[in-house]
Amino acid sequence: FNKIKTNVEWLQKNSDREYSLNLKQYDIDQKQMKSVFKQIEDAYKLAKPMDVKNIAADTTDANRTKEKTERNQQFVKKVGEDIYIDQSVKILNRMIISENIAKKN
């Protein structure tokens, strides 16, 4: 998240700057901008997607039509690749483990 923040701040700072009329310098600037965008995209990708599945009640409803099935599969895939949901799950797991350890002591 820090890398994302740093890159976004860099983009904001450089979004309104003046560009050189020198074609070579302009190309260098554009490559640098594309590199930062790529870093941001890569930072949003999980190394390994989460294993997300529907509960039984949702599976029954989602499989009623072909369109619903396809939309549900796309939704489950997006959720499994979402960095914010991944971090939220990790935080909740740590909280649950901490609470269980506290109860044992």
PDB file of N, CA and C in Angstrom:
ATOM      1  N   PHE A   1       0.821  -1.194   0.000  1.00  0.00           N
ATOM      2  CA  PHE A   1       0.000   0.000   0.000  1.00  0.00           C
ATOM      3  C   PHE A   1       0.867   1.261   0.000  1.00  0.00           C
ATOM      4  N   ASN A   2       1.997   1.187   0.657  1.00  0.00           N
ATOM      5  CA  ASN A   2       2.898   2.346   0.653  1.00  0.00           C
ATOM      6  C   ASN A   2       3.435   2.632  -0.745  1.00  0.00           C
ATOM      7  N   LYS A   3       3.735   1.561  -1.482  1.00  0.00           N
ATOM      8  CA  LYS A   3       4.235   1.743  -2.848  1.00  0.00           C
ATOM      9  C   LYS A   3       3.161   2.368  -3.726  1.00  0.00           C
ATOM     10  N   ILE A   4       1.923   1.927  -3.562  1.00  0.00           N
ATOM     11  CA  ILE A   4       0.811   2.506  -4.320  1.00  0.00           C
ATOM     12  C   ILE A   4       0.694   3.992  -3.989  1.00  0.00           C
ATOM     13  N   LYS A   5       0.729   4.306  -2.703  1.00  0.00           N
ATOM     14  CA  LYS A   5       0.606   5.696  -2.268  1.00  0.00           C
ATOM     15  C   LYS A   5       1.723   6.557  -2.845  1.00  0.00           C
ATOM     16  N   THR A   6       2.949   6.067  -2.784  1.00  0.00           N
ATOM     17  CA  THR A   6       4.092   6.809  -3.302  1.00  0.00           C
ATOM     18  C   THR A   6       3.955   7.066  -4.801  1.00  0.00           C
ATOM     19  N   ASN A   7       3.568   6.039  -5.539  1.00  0.00           N
ATOM     20  CA  ASN A   7       3.429   6.187  -6.983  1.00  0.00           C
ATOM     21  C   ASN A   7       2.283   7.121  -7.354  1.00  0.00           C
ATOM     22  N   VAL A   8       1.186   7.045  -6.642  1.00  0.00           N
ATOM     23  CA  VAL A   8       0.051   7.938  -6.914  1.00  0.00           C
ATOM     24  C   VAL A   8       0.445   9.384  -6.624  1.00  0.00           C
ATOM     25  N   GLU A   9       1.157   9.603  -5.538  1.00  0.00           N
ATOM     26  CA  GLU A   9       1.619  10.951  -5.225  1.00  0.00           C
ATOM     27  C   GLU A   9       2.550  11.481  -6.316  1.00  0.00           C
ATOM     28  N   TRP A  10       3.426  10.609  -6.834  1.00  0.00           N
ATOM     29  CA  TRP A  10       4.326  11.004  -7.912  1.00  0.00           C
ATOM     30  C   TRP A  10       3.524  11.387  -9.149  1.00  0.00           C
ATOM     31  N   LEU A  11       2.507  10.584  -9.474  1.00  0.00           N
ATOM     32  CA  LEU A  11       1.670  10.884 -10.635  1.00  0.00           C
ATOM     33  C   LEU A  11       0.936  12.212 -10.469  1.00  0.00           C
ATOM     34  N   GLN A  12       0.418  12.457  -9.278  1.00  0.00           N
ATOM     35  CA  GLN A  12      -0.282  13.718  -9.034  1.00  0.00           C
ATOM     36  C   GLN A  12       0.666  14.903  -9.196  1.00  0.00           C
ATOM     37  N   LYS A  13       1.862  14.759  -8.683  1.00  0.00           N
ATOM     38  CA  LYS A  13       2.844  15.829  -8.759  1.00  0.00           C
ATOM     39  C   LYS A  13       3.249  16.104 -10.210  1.00  0.00           C
ATOM     40  N   ASN A  14       3.329  15.049 -11.017  1.00  0.00           N
ATOM     41  CA  ASN A  14       3.807  15.187 -12.384  1.00  0.00           C
ATOM     42  C   ASN A  14       2.700  15.288 -13.430  1.00  0.00           C
ATOM     43  N   SER A  15       1.458  15.280 -13.015  1.00  0.00           N
ATOM     44  CA  SER A  15       0.370  15.305 -13.992  1.00  0.00           C
ATOM     45  C   SER A  15       0.197  16.669 -14.651  1.00  0.00           C
ATOM     46  N   ASP A  16       0.507  17.743 -13.962  1.00  0.00           N
ATOM     47  CA  ASP A  16       0.321  19.087 -14.498  1.00  0.00           C
ATOM     48  C   ASP A  16       1.633  19.760 -14.898  1.00  0.00           C
ATOM     49  N   ARG A  17       2.659  18.988 -15.022  1.00  0.00           N
ATOM     50  CA  ARG A  17       3.948  19.590 -15.345  1.00  0.00           C
ATOM     51  C   ARG A  17       4.047  19.907 -16.835  1.00  0.00           C
ATOM     52  N   GLU A  18       5.008  20.694 -17.162  1.00  0.00           N
ATOM     53  CA  GLU A  18       5.258  21.031 -18.563  1.00  0.00           C
ATOM     54  C   GLU A  18       6.101  19.935 -19.192  1.00  0.00           C
ATOM     55  N   TYR A  19       5.838  19.670 -20.463  1.00  0.00           N
ATOM     56  CA  TYR A  19       6.585  18.645 -21.182  1.00  0.00           C
ATOM     57  C   TYR A  19       7.510  19.290 -22.203  1.00  0.00           C
ATOM     58  N   SER A  20       8.605  18.654 -22.409  1.00  0.00           N
ATOM     59  CA  SER A  20       9.602  19.143 -23.349  1.00  0.00           C
ATOM     60  C   SER A  20       9.096  18.967 -24.781  1.00  0.00           C
ATOM     61  N   LEU A  21       9.445  19.900 -25.631  1.00  0.00           N
ATOM     62  CA  LEU A  21       9.123  19.777 -27.049  1.00  0.00           C
ATOM     63  C   LEU A  21      10.144  18.905 -27.766  1.00  0.00           C
ATOM     64  N   ASN A  22      11.204  18.600 -27.068  1.00  0.00           N
ATOM     65  CA  ASN A  22      12.197  17.684 -27.610  1.00  0.00           C
ATOM     66  C   ASN A  22      11.592  16.280 -27.609  1.00  0.00           C
ATOM     67  N   LEU A  23      11.500  15.677 -28.777  1.00  0.00           N
ATOM     68  CA  LEU A  23      10.834  14.386 -28.922  1.00  0.00           C
ATOM     69  C   LEU A  23      11.492  13.289 -28.081  1.00  0.00           C
ATOM     70  N   LYS A  24      12.815  13.288 -28.031  1.00  0.00           N
ATOM     71  CA  LYS A  24      13.515  12.266 -27.249  1.00  0.00           C
ATOM     72  C   LYS A  24      13.204  12.409 -25.761  1.00  0.00           C
ATOM     73  N   GLN A  25      13.238  13.640 -25.261  1.00  0.00           N
ATOM     74  CA  GLN A  25      12.929  13.878 -23.849  1.00  0.00           C
ATOM     75  C   GLN A  25      11.473  13.528 -23.551  1.00  0.00           C
ATOM     76  N   TYR A  26      10.581  13.861 -24.461  1.00  0.00           N
ATOM     77  CA  TYR A  26       9.165  13.533 -24.301  1.00  0.00           C
ATOM     78  C   TYR A  26       8.973  12.027 -24.216  1.00  0.00           C
ATOM     79  N   ASP A  27       9.648  11.266 -25.075  1.00  0.00           N
ATOM     80  CA  ASP A  27       9.560   9.799 -25.038  1.00  0.00           C
ATOM     81  C   ASP A  27      10.065   9.253 -23.705  1.00  0.00           C
ATOM     82  N   ILE A  28      11.141   9.812 -23.213  1.00  0.00           N
ATOM     83  CA  ILE A  28      11.682   9.384 -21.913  1.00  0.00           C
ATOM     84  C   ILE A  28      10.658   9.643 -20.813  1.00  0.00           C
ATOM     85  N   ASP A  29      10.048  10.837 -20.844  1.00  0.00           N
ATOM     86  CA  ASP A  29       9.030  11.183 -19.844  1.00  0.00           C
ATOM     87  C   ASP A  29       7.842  10.233 -19.911  1.00  0.00           C
ATOM     88  N   GLN A  30       7.410   9.906 -21.120  1.00  0.00           N
ATOM     89  CA  GLN A  30       6.264   9.004 -21.288  1.00  0.00           C
ATOM     90  C   GLN A  30       6.590   7.596 -20.810  1.00  0.00           C
ATOM     91  N   LYS A  31       7.790   7.134 -21.076  1.00  0.00           N
ATOM     92  CA  LYS A  31       8.200   5.805 -20.604  1.00  0.00           C
ATOM     93  C   LYS A  31       8.221   5.764 -19.078  1.00  0.00           C
ATOM     94  N   GLN A  32       8.685   6.855 -18.476  1.00  0.00           N
ATOM     95  CA  GLN A  32       8.713   6.924 -17.015  1.00  0.00           C
ATOM     96  C   GLN A  32       7.287   6.884 -16.468  1.00  0.00           C
ATOM     97  N   MET A  33       6.379   7.625 -17.094  1.00  0.00           N
ATOM     98  CA  MET A  33       4.979   7.653 -16.669  1.00  0.00           C
ATOM     99  C   MET A  33       4.354   6.253 -16.806  1.00  0.00           C
ATOM    100  N   LYS A  34       4.606   5.588 -17.914  1.00  0.00           N
ATOM    101  CA  LYS A  34       4.073   4.238 -18.127  1.00  0.00           C
ATOM    102  C   LYS A  34       4.641   3.263 -17.106  1.00  0.00           C
ATOM    103  N   SER A  35       5.903   3.445 -16.761  1.00  0.00           N
ATOM    104  CA  SER A  35       6.532   2.580 -15.762  1.00  0.00           C
ATOM    105  C   SER A  35       5.848   2.718 -14.407  1.00  0.00           C
ATOM    106  N   VAL A  36       5.529   3.937 -14.026  1.00  0.00           N
ATOM    107  CA  VAL A  36       4.852   4.168 -12.748  1.00  0.00           C
ATOM    108  C   VAL A  36       3.444   3.565 -12.783  1.00  0.00           C
ATOM    109  N   PHE A  37       2.726   3.740 -13.888  1.00  0.00           N
ATOM    110  CA  PHE A  37       1.404   3.127 -14.021  1.00  0.00           C
ATOM    111  C   PHE A  37       1.496   1.610 -13.891  1.00  0.00           C
ATOM    112  N   LYS A  38       2.505   1.022 -14.521  1.00  0.00           N
ATOM    113  CA  LYS A  38       2.693  -0.433 -14.463  1.00  0.00           C
ATOM    114  C   LYS A  38       2.973  -0.880 -13.030  1.00  0.00           C
ATOM    115  N   GLN A  39       3.782  -0.110 -12.313  1.00  0.00           N
ATOM    116  CA  GLN A  39       4.080  -0.442 -10.916  1.00  0.00           C
ATOM    117  C   GLN A  39       2.810  -0.412 -10.072  1.00  0.00           C
ATOM    118  N   ILE A  40       1.952   0.568 -10.336  1.00  0.00           N
ATOM    119  CA  ILE A  40       0.689   0.655  -9.588  1.00  0.00           C
ATOM    120  C   ILE A  40      -0.190  -0.547  -9.908  1.00  0.00           C
ATOM    121  N   GLU A  41      -0.305  -0.888 -11.189  1.00  0.00           N
ATOM    122  CA  GLU A  41      -1.103  -2.052 -11.581  1.00  0.00           C
ATOM    123  C   GLU A  41      -0.576  -3.320 -10.922  1.00  0.00           C
ATOM    124  N   ASP A  42       0.742  -3.498 -10.950  1.00  0.00           N
ATOM    125  CA  ASP A  42       1.342  -4.690 -10.343  1.00  0.00           C
ATOM    126  C   ASP A  42       1.127  -4.726  -8.832  1.00  0.00           C
ATOM    127  N   ALA A  43       1.134  -3.565  -8.193  1.00  0.00           N
ATOM    128  CA  ALA A  43       0.934  -3.508  -6.744  1.00  0.00           C
ATOM    129  C   ALA A  43      -0.488  -3.920  -6.364  1.00  0.00           C
ATOM    130  N   TYR A  44      -1.434  -3.699  -7.264  1.00  0.00           N
ATOM    131  CA  TYR A  44      -2.824  -4.071  -6.995  1.00  0.00           C
ATOM    132  C   TYR A  44      -3.099  -5.553  -7.230  1.00  0.00           C
ATOM    133  N   LYS A  45      -2.177  -6.252  -7.844  1.00  0.00           N
ATOM    134  CA  LYS A  45      -2.386  -7.672  -8.131  1.00  0.00           C
ATOM    135  C   LYS A  45      -1.871  -8.524  -6.968  1.00  0.00           C
ATOM    136  N   LEU A  46      -2.653  -9.519  -6.627  1.00  0.00           N
ATOM    137  CA  LEU A  46      -2.230 -10.456  -5.589  1.00  0.00           C
ATOM    138  C   LEU A  46      -1.302 -11.496  -6.200  1.00  0.00           C
ATOM    139  N   ALA A  47      -0.316 -11.931  -5.439  1.00  0.00           N
ATOM    140  CA  ALA A  47       0.587 -12.973  -5.921  1.00  0.00           C
ATOM    141  C   ALA A  47      -0.191 -14.255  -6.173  1.00  0.00           C
ATOM    142  N   LYS A  48      -1.125 -14.527  -5.284  1.00  0.00           N
ATOM    143  CA  LYS A  48      -1.968 -15.729  -5.412  1.00  0.00           C
ATOM    144  C   LYS A  48      -3.393 -15.318  -5.064  1.00  0.00           C
ATOM    145  N   PRO A  49      -4.332 -15.485  -6.005  1.00  0.00           N
ATOM    146  CA  PRO A  49      -5.719 -15.118  -5.711  1.00  0.00           C
ATOM    147  C   PRO A  49      -6.277 -15.924  -4.536  1.00  0.00           C
ATOM    148  N   MET A  50      -7.206 -15.316  -3.814  1.00  0.00           N
ATOM    149  CA  MET A  50      -7.857 -16.009  -2.701  1.00  0.00           C
ATOM    150  C   MET A  50      -8.801 -17.069  -3.264  1.00  0.00           C
ATOM    151  N   ASP A  51      -9.057 -18.072  -2.468  1.00  0.00           N
ATOM    152  CA  ASP A  51     -10.005 -19.122  -2.843  1.00  0.00           C
ATOM    153  C   ASP A  51     -11.382 -18.688  -2.330  1.00  0.00           C
ATOM    154  N   VAL A  52     -12.190 -18.114  -3.216  1.00  0.00           N
ATOM    155  CA  VAL A  52     -13.496 -17.589  -2.845  1.00  0.00           C
ATOM    156  C   VAL A  52     -14.571 -18.485  -3.441  1.00  0.00           C
ATOM    157  N   LYS A  53     -15.557 -18.825  -2.629  1.00  0.00           N
ATOM    158  CA  LYS A  53     -16.666 -19.673  -3.079  1.00  0.00           C
ATOM    159  C   LYS A  53     -17.967 -19.118  -2.534  1.00  0.00           C
ATOM    160  N   ASN A  54     -19.044 -19.395  -3.247  1.00  0.00           N
ATOM    161  CA  ASN A  54     -20.370 -19.010  -2.776  1.00  0.00           C
ATOM    162  C   ASN A  54     -20.836 -19.975  -1.694  1.00  0.00           C
ATOM    163  N   ILE A  55     -21.692 -19.476  -0.803  1.00  0.00           N
ATOM    164  CA  ILE A  55     -22.345 -20.376   0.140  1.00  0.00           C
ATOM    165  C   ILE A  55     -23.456 -21.100  -0.610  1.00  0.00           C
ATOM    166  N   ALA A  56     -23.954 -22.168  -0.055  1.00  0.00           N
ATOM    167  CA  ALA A  56     -24.936 -23.013  -0.748  1.00  0.00           C
ATOM    168  C   ALA A  56     -26.174 -22.230  -1.191  1.00  0.00           C
ATOM    169  N   ALA A  57     -26.688 -21.351  -0.343  1.00  0.00           N
ATOM    170  CA  ALA A  57     -27.886 -20.580  -0.689  1.00  0.00           C
ATOM    171  C   ALA A  57     -27.642 -19.690  -1.906  1.00  0.00           C
ATOM    172  N   ASP A  58     -26.479 -19.087  -1.985  1.00  0.00           N
ATOM    173  CA  ASP A  58     -26.156 -18.230  -3.122  1.00  0.00           C
ATOM    174  C   ASP A  58     -25.911 -19.040  -4.390  1.00  0.00           C
ATOM    175  N   THR A  59     -25.339 -20.214  -4.256  1.00  0.00           N
ATOM    176  CA  THR A  59     -25.063 -21.056  -5.419  1.00  0.00           C
ATOM    177  C   THR A  59     -26.350 -21.458  -6.111  1.00  0.00           C
ATOM    178  N   THR A  60     -27.358 -21.803  -5.347  1.00  0.00           N
ATOM    179  CA  THR A  60     -28.643 -22.200  -5.920  1.00  0.00           C
ATOM    180  C   THR A  60     -29.239 -21.061  -6.732  1.00  0.00           C
ATOM    181  N   ASP A  61     -29.264 -19.873  -6.179  1.00  0.00           N
ATOM    182  CA  ASP A  61     -29.835 -18.724  -6.874  1.00  0.00           C
ATOM    183  C   ASP A  61     -28.988 -18.320  -8.074  1.00  0.00           C
ATOM    184  N   ALA A  62     -27.671 -18.375  -7.946  1.00  0.00           N
ATOM    185  CA  ALA A  62     -26.776 -17.933  -9.016  1.00  0.00           C
ATOM    186  C   ALA A  62     -26.803 -18.871 -10.222  1.00  0.00           C
ATOM    187  N   ASN A  63     -27.190 -20.111 -10.024  1.00  0.00           N
ATOM    188  CA  ASN A  63     -27.176 -21.080 -11.120  1.00  0.00           C
ATOM    189  C   ASN A  63     -28.523 -21.229 -11.816  1.00  0.00           C
ATOM    190  N   ARG A  64     -29.436 -20.309 -11.596  1.00  0.00           N
ATOM    191  CA  ARG A  64     -30.762 -20.405 -12.220  1.00  0.00           C
ATOM    192  C   ARG A  64     -30.726 -20.149 -13.717  1.00  0.00           C
ATOM    193  N   THR A  65     -29.907 -19.206 -14.150  1.00  0.00           N
ATOM    194  CA  THR A  65     -29.791 -18.931 -15.580  1.00  0.00           C
ATOM    195  C   THR A  65     -28.316 -18.852 -15.955  1.00  0.00           C
ATOM    196  N   LYS A  66     -28.073 -18.988 -17.250  1.00  0.00           N
ATOM    197  CA  LYS A  66     -26.697 -18.938 -17.743  1.00  0.00           C
ATOM    198  C   LYS A  66     -26.071 -17.565 -17.476  1.00  0.00           C
ATOM    199  N   GLU A  67     -26.853 -16.504 -17.661  1.00  0.00           N
ATOM    200  CA  GLU A  67     -26.344 -15.155 -17.445  1.00  0.00           C
ATOM    201  C   GLU A  67     -25.962 -14.933 -15.982  1.00  0.00           C
ATOM    202  N   LYS A  68     -26.829 -15.410 -15.068  1.00  0.00           N
ATOM    203  CA  LYS A  68     -26.531 -15.264 -13.642  1.00  0.00           C
ATOM    204  C   LYS A  68     -25.278 -16.045 -13.264  1.00  0.00           C
ATOM    205  N   THR A  69     -25.139 -17.225 -13.847  1.00  0.00           N
ATOM    206  CA  THR A  69     -23.965 -18.052 -13.561  1.00  0.00           C
ATOM    207  C   THR A  69     -22.697 -17.340 -14.010  1.00  0.00           C
ATOM    208  N   GLU A  70     -22.721 -16.784 -15.216  1.00  0.00           N
ATOM    209  CA  GLU A  70     -21.545 -16.079 -15.736  1.00  0.00           C
ATOM    210  C   GLU A  70     -21.219 -14.841 -14.910  1.00  0.00           C
ATOM    211  N   ARG A  71     -22.245 -14.050 -14.559  1.00  0.00           N
ATOM    212  CA  ARG A  71     -22.013 -12.859 -13.729  1.00  0.00           C
ATOM    213  C   ARG A  71     -21.453 -13.242 -12.368  1.00  0.00           C
ATOM    214  N   ASN A  72     -21.997 -14.317 -11.790  1.00  0.00           N
ATOM    215  CA  ASN A  72     -21.523 -14.768 -10.484  1.00  0.00           C
ATOM    216  C   ASN A  72     -20.067 -15.220 -10.558  1.00  0.00           C
ATOM    217  N   GLN A  73     -19.715 -15.940 -11.616  1.00  0.00           N
ATOM    218  CA  GLN A  73     -18.327 -16.386 -11.765  1.00  0.00           C
ATOM    219  C   GLN A  73     -17.383 -15.191 -11.897  1.00  0.00           C
ATOM    220  N   GLN A  74     -17.787 -14.171 -12.634  1.00  0.00           N
ATOM    221  CA  GLN A  74     -16.966 -12.964 -12.773  1.00  0.00           C
ATOM    222  C   GLN A  74     -16.833 -12.254 -11.423  1.00  0.00           C
ATOM    223  N   PHE A  75     -17.940 -12.181 -10.684  1.00  0.00           N
ATOM    224  CA  PHE A  75     -17.918 -11.533  -9.372  1.00  0.00           C
ATOM    225  C   PHE A  75     -16.983 -12.272  -8.414  1.00  0.00           C
ATOM    226  N   VAL A  76     -17.101 -13.589  -8.354  1.00  0.00           N
ATOM    227  CA  VAL A  76     -16.267 -14.394  -7.453  1.00  0.00           C
ATOM    228  C   VAL A  76     -14.797 -14.237  -7.827  1.00  0.00           C
ATOM    229  N   LYS A  77     -14.500 -14.208  -9.126  1.00  0.00           N
ATOM    230  CA  LYS A  77     -13.111 -14.031  -9.573  1.00  0.00           C
ATOM    231  C   LYS A  77     -12.578 -12.661  -9.146  1.00  0.00           C
ATOM    232  N   LYS A  78     -13.381 -11.604  -9.341  1.00  0.00           N
ATOM    233  CA  LYS A  78     -12.950 -10.253  -8.947  1.00  0.00           C
ATOM    234  C   LYS A  78     -12.710 -10.162  -7.449  1.00  0.00           C
ATOM    235  N   VAL A  79     -13.606 -10.740  -6.667  1.00  0.00           N
ATOM    236  CA  VAL A  79     -13.454 -10.711  -5.210  1.00  0.00           C
ATOM    237  C   VAL A  79     -12.172 -11.438  -4.809  1.00  0.00           C
ATOM    238  N   GLY A  80     -11.887 -12.561  -5.448  1.00  0.00           N
ATOM    239  CA  GLY A  80     -10.695 -13.342  -5.130  1.00  0.00           C
ATOM    240  C   GLY A  80      -9.397 -12.631  -5.454  1.00  0.00           C
ATOM    241  N   GLU A  81      -9.454 -11.642  -6.356  1.00  0.00           N
ATOM    242  CA  GLU A  81      -8.254 -10.916  -6.757  1.00  0.00           C
ATOM    243  C   GLU A  81      -8.167  -9.518  -6.152  1.00  0.00           C
ATOM    244  N   ASP A  82      -9.115  -9.159  -5.316  1.00  0.00           N
ATOM    245  CA  ASP A  82      -9.169  -7.802  -4.750  1.00  0.00           C
ATOM    246  C   ASP A  82      -8.198  -7.667  -3.584  1.00  0.00           C
ATOM    247  N   ILE A  83      -7.245  -6.759  -3.715  1.00  0.00           N
ATOM    248  CA  ILE A  83      -6.207  -6.579  -2.704  1.00  0.00           C
ATOM    249  C   ILE A  83      -6.778  -6.062  -1.385  1.00  0.00           C
ATOM    250  N   TYR A  84      -7.824  -5.222  -1.464  1.00  0.00           N
ATOM    251  CA  TYR A  84      -8.413  -4.666  -0.252  1.00  0.00           C
ATOM    252  C   TYR A  84      -9.169  -5.734   0.535  1.00  0.00           C
ATOM    253  N   ILE A  85      -9.889  -6.589  -0.158  1.00  0.00           N
ATOM    254  CA  ILE A  85     -10.581  -7.685   0.517  1.00  0.00           C
ATOM    255  C   ILE A  85      -9.562  -8.644   1.110  1.00  0.00           C
ATOM    256  N   ASP A  86      -8.494  -8.910   0.372  1.00  0.00           N
ATOM    257  CA  ASP A  86      -7.432  -9.785   0.871  1.00  0.00           C
ATOM    258  C   ASP A  86      -6.844  -9.244   2.169  1.00  0.00           C
ATOM    259  N   GLN A  87      -6.530  -7.964   2.201  1.00  0.00           N
ATOM    260  CA  GLN A  87      -5.968  -7.363   3.414  1.00  0.00           C
ATOM    261  C   GLN A  87      -6.979  -7.378   4.556  1.00  0.00           C
ATOM    262  N   SER A  88      -8.248  -7.137   4.245  1.00  0.00           N
ATOM    263  CA  SER A  88      -9.292  -7.168   5.279  1.00  0.00           C
ATOM    264  C   SER A  88      -9.411  -8.551   5.893  1.00  0.00           C
ATOM    265  N   VAL A  89      -9.361  -9.576   5.047  1.00  0.00           N
ATOM    266  CA  VAL A  89      -9.445 -10.957   5.535  1.00  0.00           C
ATOM    267  C   VAL A  89      -8.246 -11.270   6.429  1.00  0.00           C
ATOM    268  N   LYS A  90      -7.070 -10.833   6.016  1.00  0.00           N
ATOM    269  CA  LYS A  90      -5.867 -11.080   6.832  1.00  0.00           C
ATOM    270  C   LYS A  90      -5.969 -10.397   8.191  1.00  0.00           C
ATOM    271  N   ILE A  91      -6.469  -9.171   8.209  1.00  0.00           N
ATOM    272  CA  ILE A  91      -6.627  -8.443   9.473  1.00  0.00           C
ATOM    273  C   ILE A  91      -7.640  -9.154  10.371  1.00  0.00           C
ATOM    274  N   LEU A  92      -8.770  -9.554   9.801  1.00  0.00           N
ATOM    275  CA  LEU A  92      -9.787 -10.265  10.595  1.00  0.00           C
ATOM    276  C   LEU A  92      -9.248 -11.582  11.134  1.00  0.00           C
ATOM    277  N   ASN A  93      -8.485 -12.307  10.328  1.00  0.00           N
ATOM    278  CA  ASN A  93      -7.888 -13.562  10.801  1.00  0.00           C
ATOM    279  C   ASN A  93      -6.942 -13.316  11.971  1.00  0.00           C
ATOM    280  N   ARG A  94      -6.131 -12.251  11.875  1.00  0.00           N
ATOM    281  CA  ARG A  94      -5.235 -11.924  12.995  1.00  0.00           C
ATOM    282  C   ARG A  94      -6.015 -11.567  14.251  1.00  0.00           C
ATOM    283  N   MET A  95      -7.123 -10.842  14.078  1.00  0.00           N
ATOM    284  CA  MET A  95      -7.955 -10.471  15.229  1.00  0.00           C
ATOM    285  C   MET A  95      -8.572 -11.716  15.870  1.00  0.00           C
ATOM    286  N   ILE A  96      -9.038 -12.635  15.060  1.00  0.00           N
ATOM    287  CA  ILE A  96      -9.638 -13.870  15.572  1.00  0.00           C
ATOM    288  C   ILE A  96      -8.596 -14.695  16.310  1.00  0.00           C
ATOM    289  N   ILE A  97      -7.405 -14.814  15.732  1.00  0.00           N
ATOM    290  CA  ILE A  97      -6.331 -15.580  16.378  1.00  0.00           C
ATOM    291  C   ILE A  97      -5.937 -14.916  17.701  1.00  0.00           C
ATOM    292  N   SER A  98      -5.828 -13.601  17.696  1.00  0.00           N
ATOM    293  CA  SER A  98      -5.472 -12.881  18.927  1.00  0.00           C
ATOM    294  C   SER A  98      -6.522 -13.084  20.007  1.00  0.00           C
ATOM    295  N   GLU A  99      -7.793 -13.049  19.616  1.00  0.00           N
ATOM    296  CA  GLU A  99      -8.878 -13.249  20.581  1.00  0.00           C
ATOM    297  C   GLU A  99      -8.850 -14.673  21.134  1.00  0.00           C
ATOM    298  N   ASN A 100      -8.586 -15.646  20.273  1.00  0.00           N
ATOM    299  CA  ASN A 100      -8.524 -17.035  20.727  1.00  0.00           C
ATOM    300  C   ASN A 100      -7.360 -17.261  21.676  1.00  0.00           C
ATOM    301  N   ILE A 101      -6.236 -16.629  21.398  1.00  0.00           N
ATOM    302  CA  ILE A 101      -5.062 -16.743  22.279  1.00  0.00           C
ATOM    303  C   ILE A 101      -5.386 -16.091  23.629  1.00  0.00           C
ATOM    304  N   ALA A 102      -6.066 -14.940  23.600  1.00  0.00           N
ATOM    305  CA  ALA A 102      -6.419 -14.244  24.847  1.00  0.00           C
ATOM    306  C   ALA A 102      -7.369 -15.110  25.682  1.00  0.00           C
ATOM    307  N   LYS A 103      -8.299 -15.798  25.028  1.00  0.00           N
ATOM    308  CA  LYS A 103      -9.248 -16.643  25.756  1.00  0.00           C
ATOM    309  C   LYS A 103      -8.560 -17.829  26.403  1.00  0.00           C
ATOM    310  N   LYS A 104      -7.516 -18.364  25.759  1.00  0.00           N
ATOM    311  CA  LYS A 104      -6.802 -19.504  26.306  1.00  0.00           C
ATOM    312  C   LYS A 104      -5.991 -19.118  27.527  1.00  0.00           C
ATOM    313  N   ASN A 105      -5.534 -17.893  27.563  1.00  0.00           N
ATOM    314  CA  ASN A 105      -4.708 -17.438  28.699  1.00  0.00           C
ATOM    315  C   ASN A 105      -5.610 -16.998  29.764  1.00  0.00           C
TER     316      ASN A 105
END
